[in-house]
Structures are given as structure tokens and as C-alpha cells.
Amino acid sequence: MSLRPVRWARARHPSEADASNSGIPIGLRIVGTLLRTIFIVALIAVTVRVALPQNETVWTAYETPGDLVRMALGLVVCIWVLVQVFIVPKDAQAYRTWIYLGLAAVPFAVICVLAVW
């Protein structure tokens, strides 16, 4: 068993991080971000609607264990998905993927929001 020295990764300087994002065309970045955000917001809206109590108000949901569990899981999912809004893609291919995925998924997600609500 050999012991190798640990090589620490050099922390990126903020100007280096900006330089890596400058290679992404602004139109690609705007459209990809817009489609991604619309999809995630629609996903949050559907999750909120499904997580609401079935026969009671939010304030009396603790009386029914099923509604309480549904609300707790819905809250956790909504928080996790909301965090994903702020984690932006890192390269141009990720933005392209969101454009392709968004063109198919956003209309479906909006239809689901309208149907569920």
C-alpha cells in the first residue's frame, strides 16, 4: 500500500469562472434558462396542488395522517425543486439540452398545471 500525496485542486478565480461562461451565446443562455425555469415552476405548481389536503384545510391536516404525510413530502419536493432553479447549467451543451427538452416538456407541463388546478 503506497501513500501518495494529496493534490489539492486550485480554487478557480472568479474571472476564470466568468471566462468559461463567456463562450456560451447569449441567445442560447436566455432561451435555455427561460424554458428550464418555466418547466421547474410548472413542476412546483403541480407538486403544490397534489400535496394539498384532500378534504380539509391546511390547518386541520394534522388530524389525518395521510394528508400530513402528503403535505410533508410535497414540501420537501418543492424545496428541492426550488433549489434546482438556482443551480444553473455550466456549459453550452446543457443549455442546448434544456432547449430540446423544454420544447417538448414545457407545453406538457403547462397543460398538466391547467388540468390539475
PDB file of N, CA and C in Angstrom:
ATOM      1  N   MET A   1       0.851  -1.167   0.000  1.00  0.00           N
ATOM      2  CA  MET A   1       0.000   0.000   0.000  1.00  0.00           C
ATOM      3  C   MET A   1       0.891   1.222   0.000  1.00  0.00           C
ATOM      4  N   SER A   2       0.749   2.027  -1.014  1.00  0.00           N
ATOM      5  CA  SER A   2       1.582   3.229  -1.094  1.00  0.00           C
ATOM      6  C   SER A   2       0.758   4.459  -0.734  1.00  0.00           C
ATOM      7  N   LEU A   3       1.446   5.363  -0.130  1.00  0.00           N
ATOM      8  CA  LEU A   3       0.799   6.628   0.229  1.00  0.00           C
ATOM      9  C   LEU A   3       1.224   7.682  -0.773  1.00  0.00           C
ATOM     10  N   ARG A   4       0.242   8.229  -1.447  1.00  0.00           N
ATOM     11  CA  ARG A   4       0.532   9.278  -2.408  1.00  0.00           C
ATOM     12  C   ARG A   4       0.140  10.612  -1.803  1.00  0.00           C
ATOM     13  N   PRO A   5       0.858  11.662  -2.116  1.00  0.00           N
ATOM     14  CA  PRO A   5       0.474  12.973  -1.583  1.00  0.00           C
ATOM     15  C   PRO A   5      -0.850  13.419  -2.208  1.00  0.00           C
ATOM     16  N   VAL A   6      -1.616  14.111  -1.435  1.00  0.00           N
ATOM     17  CA  VAL A   6      -2.905  14.614  -1.899  1.00  0.00           C
ATOM     18  C   VAL A   6      -2.665  15.891  -2.682  1.00  0.00           C
ATOM     19  N   ARG A   7      -3.212  15.930  -3.866  1.00  0.00           N
ATOM     20  CA  ARG A   7      -3.090  17.142  -4.679  1.00  0.00           C
ATOM     21  C   ARG A   7      -4.383  17.926  -4.541  1.00  0.00           C
ATOM     22  N   TRP A   8      -4.283  19.089  -4.004  1.00  0.00           N
ATOM     23  CA  TRP A   8      -5.448  19.934  -3.801  1.00  0.00           C
ATOM     24  C   TRP A   8      -5.764  20.673  -5.084  1.00  0.00           C
ATOM     25  N   ALA A   9      -7.015  20.682  -5.429  1.00  0.00           N
ATOM     26  CA  ALA A   9      -7.437  21.399  -6.634  1.00  0.00           C
ATOM     27  C   ALA A   9      -7.317  22.893  -6.389  1.00  0.00           C
ATOM     28  N   ARG A  10      -6.813  23.569  -7.378  1.00  0.00           N
ATOM     29  CA  ARG A  10      -6.661  25.008  -7.262  1.00  0.00           C
ATOM     30  C   ARG A  10      -8.030  25.651  -7.374  1.00  0.00           C
ATOM     31  N   ALA A  11      -8.352  26.516  -6.446  1.00  0.00           N
ATOM     32  CA  ALA A  11      -9.637  27.212  -6.477  1.00  0.00           C
ATOM     33  C   ALA A  11      -9.668  28.149  -7.669  1.00  0.00           C
ATOM     34  N   ARG A  12     -10.782  28.137  -8.362  1.00  0.00           N
ATOM     35  CA  ARG A  12     -10.910  28.984  -9.546  1.00  0.00           C
ATOM     36  C   ARG A  12     -11.135  30.422  -9.136  1.00  0.00           C
ATOM     37  N   HIS A  13     -10.450  31.274  -9.790  1.00  0.00           N
ATOM     38  CA  HIS A  13     -10.621  32.702  -9.570  1.00  0.00           C
ATOM     39  C   HIS A  13     -11.923  33.133 -10.232  1.00  0.00           C
ATOM     40  N   PRO A  14     -12.667  34.107  -9.668  1.00  0.00           N
ATOM     41  CA  PRO A  14     -13.944  34.500 -10.276  1.00  0.00           C
ATOM     42  C   PRO A  14     -13.829  34.914 -11.740  1.00  0.00           C
ATOM     43  N   SER A  15     -12.720  35.518 -12.125  1.00  0.00           N
ATOM     44  CA  SER A  15     -12.579  35.919 -13.524  1.00  0.00           C
ATOM     45  C   SER A  15     -12.452  34.697 -14.437  1.00  0.00           C
ATOM     46  N   GLU A  16     -11.875  33.596 -13.923  1.00  0.00           N
ATOM     47  CA  GLU A  16     -11.784  32.374 -14.718  1.00  0.00           C
ATOM     48  C   GLU A  16     -13.163  31.754 -14.903  1.00  0.00           C
ATOM     49  N   ALA A  17     -14.005  31.817 -13.884  1.00  0.00           N
ATOM     50  CA  ALA A  17     -15.361  31.278 -13.992  1.00  0.00           C
ATOM     51  C   ALA A  17     -16.163  32.070 -15.009  1.00  0.00           C
ATOM     52  N   ASP A  18     -15.998  33.384 -15.010  1.00  0.00           N
ATOM     53  CA  ASP A  18     -16.702  34.215 -15.985  1.00  0.00           C
ATOM     54  C   ASP A  18     -16.212  33.936 -17.393  1.00  0.00           C
ATOM     55  N   ALA A  19     -14.933  33.648 -17.532  1.00  0.00           N
ATOM     56  CA  ALA A  19     -14.378  33.367 -18.857  1.00  0.00           C
ATOM     57  C   ALA A  19     -14.952  32.073 -19.427  1.00  0.00           C
ATOM     58  N   SER A  20     -15.236  31.086 -18.563  1.00  0.00           N
ATOM     59  CA  SER A  20     -15.786  29.833 -19.075  1.00  0.00           C
ATOM     60  C   SER A  20     -17.229  30.011 -19.537  1.00  0.00           C
ATOM     61  N   ASN A  21     -17.995  30.913 -18.922  1.00  0.00           N
ATOM     62  CA  ASN A  21     -19.372  31.156 -19.332  1.00  0.00           C
ATOM     63  C   ASN A  21     -19.467  32.110 -20.520  1.00  0.00           C
ATOM     64  N   SER A  22     -18.391  32.828 -20.827  1.00  0.00           N
ATOM     65  CA  SER A  22     -18.459  33.781 -21.923  1.00  0.00           C
ATOM     66  C   SER A  22     -18.522  33.093 -23.277  1.00  0.00           C
ATOM     67  N   GLY A  23     -18.179  31.816 -23.362  1.00  0.00           N
ATOM     68  CA  GLY A  23     -18.237  31.089 -24.618  1.00  0.00           C
ATOM     69  C   GLY A  23     -19.639  30.655 -25.003  1.00  0.00           C
ATOM     70  N   ILE A  24     -20.609  30.835 -24.119  1.00  0.00           N
ATOM     71  CA  ILE A  24     -21.987  30.439 -24.385  1.00  0.00           C
ATOM     72  C   ILE A  24     -22.714  31.613 -25.019  1.00  0.00           C
ATOM     73  N   PRO A  25     -23.294  31.439 -26.204  1.00  0.00           N
ATOM     74  CA  PRO A  25     -24.035  32.541 -26.826  1.00  0.00           C
ATOM     75  C   PRO A  25     -25.189  33.009 -25.929  1.00  0.00           C
ATOM     76  N   ILE A  26     -25.412  34.303 -25.905  1.00  0.00           N
ATOM     77  CA  ILE A  26     -26.409  34.879 -25.005  1.00  0.00           C
ATOM     78  C   ILE A  26     -27.820  34.407 -25.353  1.00  0.00           C
ATOM     79  N   GLY A  27     -28.123  34.229 -26.623  1.00  0.00           N
ATOM     80  CA  GLY A  27     -29.445  33.739 -27.018  1.00  0.00           C
ATOM     81  C   GLY A  27     -29.697  32.327 -26.516  1.00  0.00           C
ATOM     82  N   LEU A  28     -28.679  31.483 -26.629  1.00  0.00           N
ATOM     83  CA  LEU A  28     -28.781  30.110 -26.128  1.00  0.00           C
ATOM     84  C   LEU A  28     -28.992  30.111 -24.626  1.00  0.00           C
ATOM     85  N   ARG A  29     -28.272  30.978 -23.939  1.00  0.00           N
ATOM     86  CA  ARG A  29     -28.385  31.055 -22.481  1.00  0.00           C
ATOM     87  C   ARG A  29     -29.764  31.547 -22.057  1.00  0.00           C
ATOM     88  N   ILE A  30     -30.298  32.546 -22.741  1.00  0.00           N
ATOM     89  CA  ILE A  30     -31.606  33.107 -22.375  1.00  0.00           C
ATOM     90  C   ILE A  30     -32.726  32.103 -22.629  1.00  0.00           C
ATOM     91  N   VAL A  31     -32.749  31.509 -23.815  1.00  0.00           N
ATOM     92  CA  VAL A  31     -33.821  30.569 -24.157  1.00  0.00           C
ATOM     93  C   VAL A  31     -33.744  29.321 -23.283  1.00  0.00           C
ATOM     94  N   GLY A  32     -32.545  28.785 -23.074  1.00  0.00           N
ATOM     95  CA  GLY A  32     -32.385  27.608 -22.229  1.00  0.00           C
ATOM     96  C   GLY A  32     -32.813  27.868 -20.796  1.00  0.00           C
ATOM     97  N   THR A  33     -32.418  29.019 -20.269  1.00  0.00           N
ATOM     98  CA  THR A  33     -32.797  29.374 -18.894  1.00  0.00           C
ATOM     99  C   THR A  33     -34.291  29.609 -18.783  1.00  0.00           C
ATOM    100  N   LEU A  34     -34.877  30.265 -19.759  1.00  0.00           N
ATOM    101  CA  LEU A  34     -36.308  30.545 -19.726  1.00  0.00           C
ATOM    102  C   LEU A  34     -37.130  29.253 -19.763  1.00  0.00           C
ATOM    103  N   LEU A  35     -36.806  28.347 -20.686  1.00  0.00           N
ATOM    104  CA  LEU A  35     -37.532  27.082 -20.768  1.00  0.00           C
ATOM    105  C   LEU A  35     -37.339  26.236 -19.510  1.00  0.00           C
ATOM    106  N   ARG A  36     -36.134  26.234 -18.988  1.00  0.00           N
ATOM    107  CA  ARG A  36     -35.840  25.481 -17.768  1.00  0.00           C
ATOM    108  C   ARG A  36     -36.638  26.035 -16.584  1.00  0.00           C
ATOM    109  N   THR A  37     -36.676  27.347 -16.461  1.00  0.00           N
ATOM    110  CA  THR A  37     -37.387  27.982 -15.350  1.00  0.00           C
ATOM    111  C   THR A  37     -38.892  27.738 -15.452  1.00  0.00           C
ATOM    112  N   ILE A  38     -39.459  27.866 -16.649  1.00  0.00           N
ATOM    113  CA  ILE A  38     -40.893  27.619 -16.828  1.00  0.00           C
ATOM    114  C   ILE A  38     -41.228  26.180 -16.457  1.00  0.00           C
ATOM    115  N   PHE A  39     -40.402  25.230 -16.894  1.00  0.00           N
ATOM    116  CA  PHE A  39     -40.648  23.828 -16.571  1.00  0.00           C
ATOM    117  C   PHE A  39     -40.581  23.585 -15.065  1.00  0.00           C
ATOM    118  N   ILE A  40     -39.585  24.129 -14.403  1.00  0.00           N
ATOM    119  CA  ILE A  40     -39.434  23.903 -12.966  1.00  0.00           C
ATOM    120  C   ILE A  40     -40.556  24.565 -12.180  1.00  0.00           C
ATOM    121  N   VAL A  41     -40.974  25.764 -12.578  1.00  0.00           N
ATOM    122  CA  VAL A  41     -42.091  26.429 -11.894  1.00  0.00           C
ATOM    123  C   VAL A  41     -43.377  25.632 -12.094  1.00  0.00           C
ATOM    124  N   ALA A  42     -43.599  25.110 -13.287  1.00  0.00           N
ATOM    125  CA  ALA A  42     -44.783  24.272 -13.526  1.00  0.00           C
ATOM    126  C   ALA A  42     -44.731  23.009 -12.683  1.00  0.00           C
ATOM    127  N   LEU A  43     -43.548  22.431 -12.543  1.00  0.00           N
ATOM    128  CA  LEU A  43     -43.392  21.253 -11.704  1.00  0.00           C
ATOM    129  C   LEU A  43     -43.707  21.566 -10.242  1.00  0.00           C
ATOM    130  N   ILE A  44     -43.286  22.722  -9.774  1.00  0.00           N
ATOM    131  CA  ILE A  44     -43.602  23.141  -8.407  1.00  0.00           C
ATOM    132  C   ILE A  44     -45.105  23.335  -8.250  1.00  0.00           C
ATOM    133  N   ALA A  45     -45.755  23.952  -9.240  1.00  0.00           N
ATOM    134  CA  ALA A  45     -47.201  24.192  -9.155  1.00  0.00           C
ATOM    135  C   ALA A  45     -47.980  22.877  -9.081  1.00  0.00           C
ATOM    136  N   VAL A  46     -47.598  21.900  -9.890  1.00  0.00           N
ATOM    137  CA  VAL A  46     -48.277  20.601  -9.850  1.00  0.00           C
ATOM    138  C   VAL A  46     -48.028  19.915  -8.509  1.00  0.00           C
ATOM    139  N   THR A  47     -46.814  20.003  -8.009  1.00  0.00           N
ATOM    140  CA  THR A  47     -46.485  19.371  -6.724  1.00  0.00           C
ATOM    141  C   THR A  47     -47.270  20.011  -5.583  1.00  0.00           C
ATOM    142  N   VAL A  48     -47.386  21.340  -5.596  1.00  0.00           N
ATOM    143  CA  VAL A  48     -48.152  22.025  -4.545  1.00  0.00           C
ATOM    144  C   VAL A  48     -49.608  21.587  -4.592  1.00  0.00           C
ATOM    145  N   ARG A  49     -50.166  21.519  -5.773  1.00  0.00           N
ATOM    146  CA  ARG A  49     -51.578  21.140  -5.894  1.00  0.00           C
ATOM    147  C   ARG A  49     -51.824  19.707  -5.436  1.00  0.00           C
ATOM    148  N   VAL A  50     -50.929  18.809  -5.791  1.00  0.00           N
ATOM    149  CA  VAL A  50     -51.093  17.413  -5.407  1.00  0.00           C
ATOM    150  C   VAL A  50     -50.860  17.225  -3.900  1.00  0.00           C
ATOM    151  N   ALA A  51     -49.995  18.039  -3.308  1.00  0.00           N
ATOM    152  CA  ALA A  51     -49.655  17.888  -1.896  1.00  0.00           C
ATOM    153  C   ALA A  51     -50.687  18.511  -0.955  1.00  0.00           C
ATOM    154  N   LEU A  52     -51.610  19.297  -1.473  1.00  0.00           N
ATOM    155  CA  LEU A  52     -52.622  19.895  -0.598  1.00  0.00           C
ATOM    156  C   LEU A  52     -53.543  18.828  -0.021  1.00  0.00           C
ATOM    157  N   PRO A  53     -54.079  19.063   1.166  1.00  0.00           N
ATOM    158  CA  PRO A  53     -55.006  18.079   1.766  1.00  0.00           C
ATOM    159  C   PRO A  53     -56.236  17.865   0.892  1.00  0.00           C
ATOM    160  N   GLN A  54     -56.780  16.656   0.922  1.00  0.00           N
ATOM    161  CA  GLN A  54     -57.895  16.311   0.055  1.00  0.00           C
ATOM    162  C   GLN A  54     -59.217  16.884   0.528  1.00  0.00           C
ATOM    163  N   ASN A  55     -59.545  16.711   1.796  1.00  0.00           N
ATOM    164  CA  ASN A  55     -60.870  17.096   2.287  1.00  0.00           C
ATOM    165  C   ASN A  55     -60.835  18.158   3.373  1.00  0.00           C
ATOM    166  N   GLU A  56     -59.695  18.606   3.759  1.00  0.00           N
ATOM    167  CA  GLU A  56     -59.578  19.519   4.873  1.00  0.00           C
ATOM    168  C   GLU A  56     -58.797  20.751   4.457  1.00  0.00           C
ATOM    169  N   THR A  57     -58.658  21.663   5.403  1.00  0.00           N
ATOM    170  CA  THR A  57     -57.808  22.819   5.160  1.00  0.00           C
ATOM    171  C   THR A  57     -56.382  22.463   5.567  1.00  0.00           C
ATOM    172  N   VAL A  58     -55.469  23.343   5.232  1.00  0.00           N
ATOM    173  CA  VAL A  58     -54.076  23.114   5.580  1.00  0.00           C
ATOM    174  C   VAL A  58     -53.911  23.065   7.096  1.00  0.00           C
ATOM    175  N   TRP A  59     -54.705  23.860   7.815  1.00  0.00           N
ATOM    176  CA  TRP A  59     -54.546  23.972   9.272  1.00  0.00           C
ATOM    177  C   TRP A  59     -55.108  22.768  10.030  1.00  0.00           C
ATOM    178  N   THR A  60     -55.976  21.978   9.425  1.00  0.00           N
ATOM    179  CA  THR A  60     -56.516  20.793  10.104  1.00  0.00           C
ATOM    180  C   THR A  60     -55.978  19.492   9.514  1.00  0.00           C
ATOM    181  N   ALA A  61     -54.968  19.581   8.676  1.00  0.00           N
ATOM    182  CA  ALA A  61     -54.423  18.384   8.022  1.00  0.00           C
ATOM    183  C   ALA A  61     -53.711  17.467   9.011  1.00  0.00           C
ATOM    184  N   TYR A  62     -53.285  17.998  10.156  1.00  0.00           N
ATOM    185  CA  TYR A  62     -52.581  17.155  11.126  1.00  0.00           C
ATOM    186  C   TYR A  62     -53.499  16.105  11.745  1.00  0.00           C
ATOM    187  N   GLU A  63     -54.799  16.258  11.584  1.00  0.00           N
ATOM    188  CA  GLU A  63     -55.736  15.279  12.118  1.00  0.00           C
ATOM    189  C   GLU A  63     -55.772  14.004  11.282  1.00  0.00           C
ATOM    190  N   THR A  64     -55.433  14.097  10.021  1.00  0.00           N
ATOM    191  CA  THR A  64     -55.417  12.943   9.124  1.00  0.00           C
ATOM    192  C   THR A  64     -53.968  12.631   8.762  1.00  0.00           C
ATOM    193  N   PRO A  65     -53.443  11.491   9.192  1.00  0.00           N
ATOM    194  CA  PRO A  65     -52.023  11.182   8.938  1.00  0.00           C
ATOM    195  C   PRO A  65     -51.662  11.150   7.451  1.00  0.00           C
ATOM    196  N   GLY A  66     -52.551  10.662   6.601  1.00  0.00           N
ATOM    197  CA  GLY A  66     -52.257  10.606   5.167  1.00  0.00           C
ATOM    198  C   GLY A  66     -52.056  11.987   4.568  1.00  0.00           C
ATOM    199  N   ASP A  67     -52.916  12.927   4.959  1.00  0.00           N
ATOM    200  CA  ASP A  67     -52.765  14.291   4.462  1.00  0.00           C
ATOM    201  C   ASP A  67     -51.493  14.946   5.001  1.00  0.00           C
ATOM    202  N   LEU A  68     -51.174  14.655   6.249  1.00  0.00           N
ATOM    203  CA  LEU A  68     -49.970  15.235   6.845  1.00  0.00           C
ATOM    204  C   LEU A  68     -48.713  14.727   6.146  1.00  0.00           C
ATOM    205  N   VAL A  69     -48.674  13.424   5.856  1.00  0.00           N
ATOM    206  CA  VAL A  69     -47.518  12.857   5.151  1.00  0.00           C
ATOM    207  C   VAL A  69     -47.437  13.422   3.737  1.00  0.00           C
ATOM    208  N   ARG A  70     -48.564  13.536   3.056  1.00  0.00           N
ATOM    209  CA  ARG A  70     -48.589  14.093   1.703  1.00  0.00           C
ATOM    210  C   ARG A  70     -48.074  15.535   1.700  1.00  0.00           C
ATOM    211  N   MET A  71     -48.516  16.318   2.690  1.00  0.00           N
ATOM    212  CA  MET A  71     -48.059  17.716   2.766  1.00  0.00           C
ATOM    213  C   MET A  71     -46.568  17.803   3.074  1.00  0.00           C
ATOM    214  N   ALA A  72     -46.079  16.952   3.972  1.00  0.00           N
ATOM    215  CA  ALA A  72     -44.654  16.975   4.317  1.00  0.00           C
ATOM    216  C   ALA A  72     -43.790  16.576   3.120  1.00  0.00           C
ATOM    217  N   LEU A  73     -44.183  15.520   2.426  1.00  0.00           N
ATOM    218  CA  LEU A  73     -43.429  15.112   1.234  1.00  0.00           C
ATOM    219  C   LEU A  73     -43.495  16.170   0.142  1.00  0.00           C
ATOM    220  N   GLY A  74     -44.659  16.774  -0.021  1.00  0.00           N
ATOM    221  CA  GLY A  74     -44.797  17.845  -1.008  1.00  0.00           C
ATOM    222  C   GLY A  74     -43.915  19.032  -0.689  1.00  0.00           C
ATOM    223  N   LEU A  75     -43.814  19.375   0.593  1.00  0.00           N
ATOM    224  CA  LEU A  75     -42.950  20.486   0.997  1.00  0.00           C
ATOM    225  C   LEU A  75     -41.487  20.173   0.707  1.00  0.00           C
ATOM    226  N   VAL A  76     -41.070  18.964   1.011  1.00  0.00           N
ATOM    227  CA  VAL A  76     -39.676  18.568   0.755  1.00  0.00           C
ATOM    228  C   VAL A  76     -39.381  18.592  -0.743  1.00  0.00           C
ATOM    229  N   VAL A  77     -40.280  18.061  -1.540  1.00  0.00           N
ATOM    230  CA  VAL A  77     -40.079  18.051  -3.001  1.00  0.00           C
ATOM    231  C   VAL A  77     -40.044  19.469  -3.547  1.00  0.00           C
ATOM    232  N   CYS A  78     -40.942  20.327  -3.090  1.00  0.00           N
ATOM    233  CA  CYS A  78     -40.965  21.716  -3.566  1.00  0.00           C
ATOM    234  C   CYS A  78     -39.679  22.451  -3.212  1.00  0.00           C
ATOM    235  N   ILE A  79     -39.171  22.243  -2.008  1.00  0.00           N
ATOM    236  CA  ILE A  79     -37.913  22.891  -1.615  1.00  0.00           C
ATOM    237  C   ILE A  79     -36.764  22.385  -2.480  1.00  0.00           C
ATOM    238  N   TRP A  80     -36.718  21.065  -2.715  1.00  0.00           N
ATOM    239  CA  TRP A  80     -35.642  20.510  -3.528  1.00  0.00           C
ATOM    240  C   TRP A  80     -35.701  21.038  -4.967  1.00  0.00           C
ATOM    241  N   VAL A  81     -36.898  21.095  -5.527  1.00  0.00           N
ATOM    242  CA  VAL A  81     -37.045  21.589  -6.902  1.00  0.00           C
ATOM    243  C   VAL A  81     -36.738  23.081  -6.966  1.00  0.00           C
ATOM    244  N   LEU A  82     -37.130  23.832  -5.947  1.00  0.00           N
ATOM    245  CA  LEU A  82     -36.833  25.265  -5.920  1.00  0.00           C
ATOM    246  C   LEU A  82     -35.330  25.513  -5.859  1.00  0.00           C
ATOM    247  N   VAL A  83     -34.607  24.685  -5.142  1.00  0.00           N
ATOM    248  CA  VAL A  83     -33.141  24.810  -5.101  1.00  0.00           C
ATOM    249  C   VAL A  83     -32.563  24.583  -6.496  1.00  0.00           C
ATOM    250  N   GLN A  84     -33.170  23.683  -7.271  1.00  0.00           N
ATOM    251  CA  GLN A  84     -32.676  23.395  -8.613  1.00  0.00           C
ATOM    252  C   GLN A  84     -32.783  24.599  -9.551  1.00  0.00           C
ATOM    253  N   VAL A  85     -33.690  25.516  -9.259  1.00  0.00           N
ATOM    254  CA  VAL A  85     -33.817  26.723 -10.083  1.00  0.00           C
ATOM    255  C   VAL A  85     -32.523  27.525 -10.035  1.00  0.00           C
ATOM    256  N   PHE A  86     -31.868  27.539  -8.882  1.00  0.00           N
ATOM    257  CA  PHE A  86     -30.695  28.375  -8.695  1.00  0.00           C
ATOM    258  C   PHE A  86     -29.384  27.692  -9.055  1.00  0.00           C
ATOM    259  N   ILE A  87     -29.433  26.433  -9.442  1.00  0.00           N
ATOM    260  CA  ILE A  87     -28.231  25.739  -9.910  1.00  0.00           C
ATOM    261  C   ILE A  87     -28.252  25.799 -11.433  1.00  0.00           C
ATOM    262  N   VAL A  88     -27.477  26.707 -11.983  1.00  0.00           N
ATOM    263  CA  VAL A  88     -27.524  26.945 -13.427  1.00  0.00           C
ATOM    264  C   VAL A  88     -26.645  25.942 -14.171  1.00  0.00           C
ATOM    265  N   PRO A  89     -26.989  25.658 -15.431  1.00  0.00           N
ATOM    266  CA  PRO A  89     -26.138  24.795 -16.254  1.00  0.00           C
ATOM    267  C   PRO A  89     -24.757  25.419 -16.432  1.00  0.00           C
ATOM    268  N   LYS A  90     -23.761  24.577 -16.648  1.00  0.00           N
ATOM    269  CA  LYS A  90     -22.387  25.062 -16.692  1.00  0.00           C
ATOM    270  C   LYS A  90     -21.793  25.182 -18.092  1.00  0.00           C
ATOM    271  N   ASP A  91     -22.387  24.530 -19.097  1.00  0.00           N
ATOM    272  CA  ASP A  91     -21.805  24.597 -20.427  1.00  0.00           C
ATOM    273  C   ASP A  91     -22.894  24.753 -21.482  1.00  0.00           C
ATOM    274  N   ALA A  92     -22.466  25.013 -22.702  1.00  0.00           N
ATOM    275  CA  ALA A  92     -23.405  25.261 -23.793  1.00  0.00           C
ATOM    276  C   ALA A  92     -24.255  24.029 -24.097  1.00  0.00           C
ATOM    277  N   GLN A  93     -23.684  22.842 -23.966  1.00  0.00           N
ATOM    278  CA  GLN A  93     -24.441  21.623 -24.247  1.00  0.00           C
ATOM    279  C   GLN A  93     -25.605  21.456 -23.271  1.00  0.00           C
ATOM    280  N   ALA A  94     -25.421  21.851 -22.023  1.00  0.00           N
ATOM    281  CA  ALA A  94     -26.507  21.766 -21.048  1.00  0.00           C
ATOM    282  C   ALA A  94     -27.646  22.717 -21.426  1.00  0.00           C
ATOM    283  N   TYR A  95     -27.307  23.901 -21.906  1.00  0.00           N
ATOM    284  CA  TYR A  95     -28.340  24.831 -22.360  1.00  0.00           C
ATOM    285  C   TYR A  95     -29.066  24.280 -23.589  1.00  0.00           C
ATOM    286  N   ARG A  96     -28.329  23.668 -24.523  1.00  0.00           N
ATOM    287  CA  ARG A  96     -28.961  23.051 -25.689  1.00  0.00           C
ATOM    288  C   ARG A  96     -29.900  21.926 -25.271  1.00  0.00           C
ATOM    289  N   THR A  97     -29.468  21.130 -24.304  1.00  0.00           N
ATOM    290  CA  THR A  97     -30.313  20.050 -23.804  1.00  0.00           C
ATOM    291  C   THR A  97     -31.600  20.605 -23.228  1.00  0.00           C
ATOM    292  N   TRP A  98     -31.518  21.692 -22.465  1.00  0.00           N
ATOM    293  CA  TRP A  98     -32.724  22.284 -21.893  1.00  0.00           C
ATOM    294  C   TRP A  98     -33.618  22.886 -22.965  1.00  0.00           C
ATOM    295  N   ILE A  99     -33.034  23.372 -24.051  1.00  0.00           N
ATOM    296  CA  ILE A  99     -33.875  23.879 -25.148  1.00  0.00           C
ATOM    297  C   ILE A  99     -34.637  22.720 -25.787  1.00  0.00           C
ATOM    298  N   TYR A 100     -33.941  21.635 -26.124  1.00  0.00           N
ATOM    299  CA  TYR A 100     -34.620  20.487 -26.728  1.00  0.00           C
ATOM    300  C   TYR A 100     -35.648  19.883 -25.783  1.00  0.00           C
ATOM    301  N   LEU A 101     -35.265  19.680 -24.540  1.00  0.00           N
ATOM    302  CA  LEU A 101     -36.175  19.126 -23.546  1.00  0.00           C
ATOM    303  C   LEU A 101     -37.327  20.090 -23.268  1.00  0.00           C
ATOM    304  N   GLY A 102     -37.006  21.376 -23.192  1.00  0.00           N
ATOM    305  CA  GLY A 102     -38.029  22.379 -22.890  1.00  0.00           C
ATOM    306  C   GLY A 102     -39.076  22.506 -23.971  1.00  0.00           C
ATOM    307  N   LEU A 103     -38.682  22.393 -25.231  1.00  0.00           N
ATOM    308  CA  LEU A 103     -39.652  22.491 -26.321  1.00  0.00           C
ATOM    309  C   LEU A 103     -40.674  21.362 -26.256  1.00  0.00           C
ATOM    310  N   ALA A 104     -40.288  20.224 -25.724  1.00  0.00           N
ATOM    311  CA  ALA A 104     -41.220  19.102 -25.588  1.00  0.00           C
ATOM    312  C   ALA A 104     -41.919  19.105 -24.229  1.00  0.00           C
ATOM    313  N   ALA A 105     -41.186  19.438 -23.174  1.00  0.00           N
ATOM    314  CA  ALA A 105     -41.719  19.280 -21.817  1.00  0.00           C
ATOM    315  C   ALA A 105     -42.526  20.477 -21.326  1.00  0.00           C
ATOM    316  N   VAL A 106     -42.176  21.681 -21.736  1.00  0.00           N
ATOM    317  CA  VAL A 106     -42.880  22.868 -21.224  1.00  0.00           C
ATOM    318  C   VAL A 106     -44.348  22.879 -21.633  1.00  0.00           C
ATOM    319  N   PRO A 107     -44.706  22.645 -22.891  1.00  0.00           N
ATOM    320  CA  PRO A 107     -46.141  22.612 -23.211  1.00  0.00           C
ATOM    321  C   PRO A 107     -46.889  21.536 -22.423  1.00  0.00           C
ATOM    322  N   PHE A 108     -46.279  20.354 -22.265  1.00  0.00           N
ATOM    323  CA  PHE A 108     -46.902  19.298 -21.493  1.00  0.00           C
ATOM    324  C   PHE A 108     -47.054  19.695 -20.026  1.00  0.00           C
ATOM    325  N   ALA A 109     -46.042  20.331 -19.461  1.00  0.00           N
ATOM    326  CA  ALA A 109     -46.098  20.758 -18.057  1.00  0.00           C
ATOM    327  C   ALA A 109     -47.159  21.833 -17.855  1.00  0.00           C
ATOM    328  N   VAL A 110     -47.270  22.756 -18.789  1.00  0.00           N
ATOM    329  CA  VAL A 110     -48.296  23.807 -18.667  1.00  0.00           C
ATOM    330  C   VAL A 110     -49.698  23.193 -18.788  1.00  0.00           C
ATOM    331  N   ILE A 111     -49.870  22.254 -19.691  1.00  0.00           N
ATOM    332  CA  ILE A 111     -51.170  21.564 -19.810  1.00  0.00           C
ATOM    333  C   ILE A 111     -51.488  20.823 -18.509  1.00  0.00           C
ATOM    334  N   CYS A 112     -50.498  20.183 -17.919  1.00  0.00           N
ATOM    335  CA  CYS A 112     -50.726  19.484 -16.640  1.00  0.00           C
ATOM    336  C   CYS A 112     -51.116  20.466 -15.540  1.00  0.00           C
ATOM    337  N   VAL A 113     -50.464  21.616 -15.494  1.00  0.00           N
ATOM    338  CA  VAL A 113     -50.824  22.619 -14.473  1.00  0.00           C
ATOM    339  C   VAL A 113     -52.258  23.074 -14.668  1.00  0.00           C
ATOM    340  N   LEU A 114     -52.648  23.344 -15.912  1.00  0.00           N
ATOM    341  CA  LEU A 114     -54.019  23.789 -16.171  1.00  0.00           C
ATOM    342  C   LEU A 114     -55.025  22.682 -15.859  1.00  0.00           C
ATOM    343  N   ALA A 115     -54.680  21.438 -16.140  1.00  0.00           N
ATOM    344  CA  ALA A 115     -55.610  20.332 -15.882  1.00  0.00           C
ATOM    345  C   ALA A 115     -55.737  20.024 -14.399  1.00  0.00           C
ATOM    346  N   VAL A 116     -54.638  20.101 -13.668  1.00  0.00           N
ATOM    347  CA  VAL A 116     -54.645  19.765 -12.245  1.00  0.00           C
ATOM    348  C   VAL A 116     -55.264  20.876 -11.416  1.00  0.00           C
ATOM    349  N   TRP A 117     -55.008  22.103 -11.778  1.00  0.00           N
ATOM    350  CA  TRP A 117     -55.519  23.211 -10.980  1.00  0.00           C
ATOM    351  C   TRP A 117     -56.963  23.394 -11.308  1.00  0.00           C
TER     352      TRP A 117
END
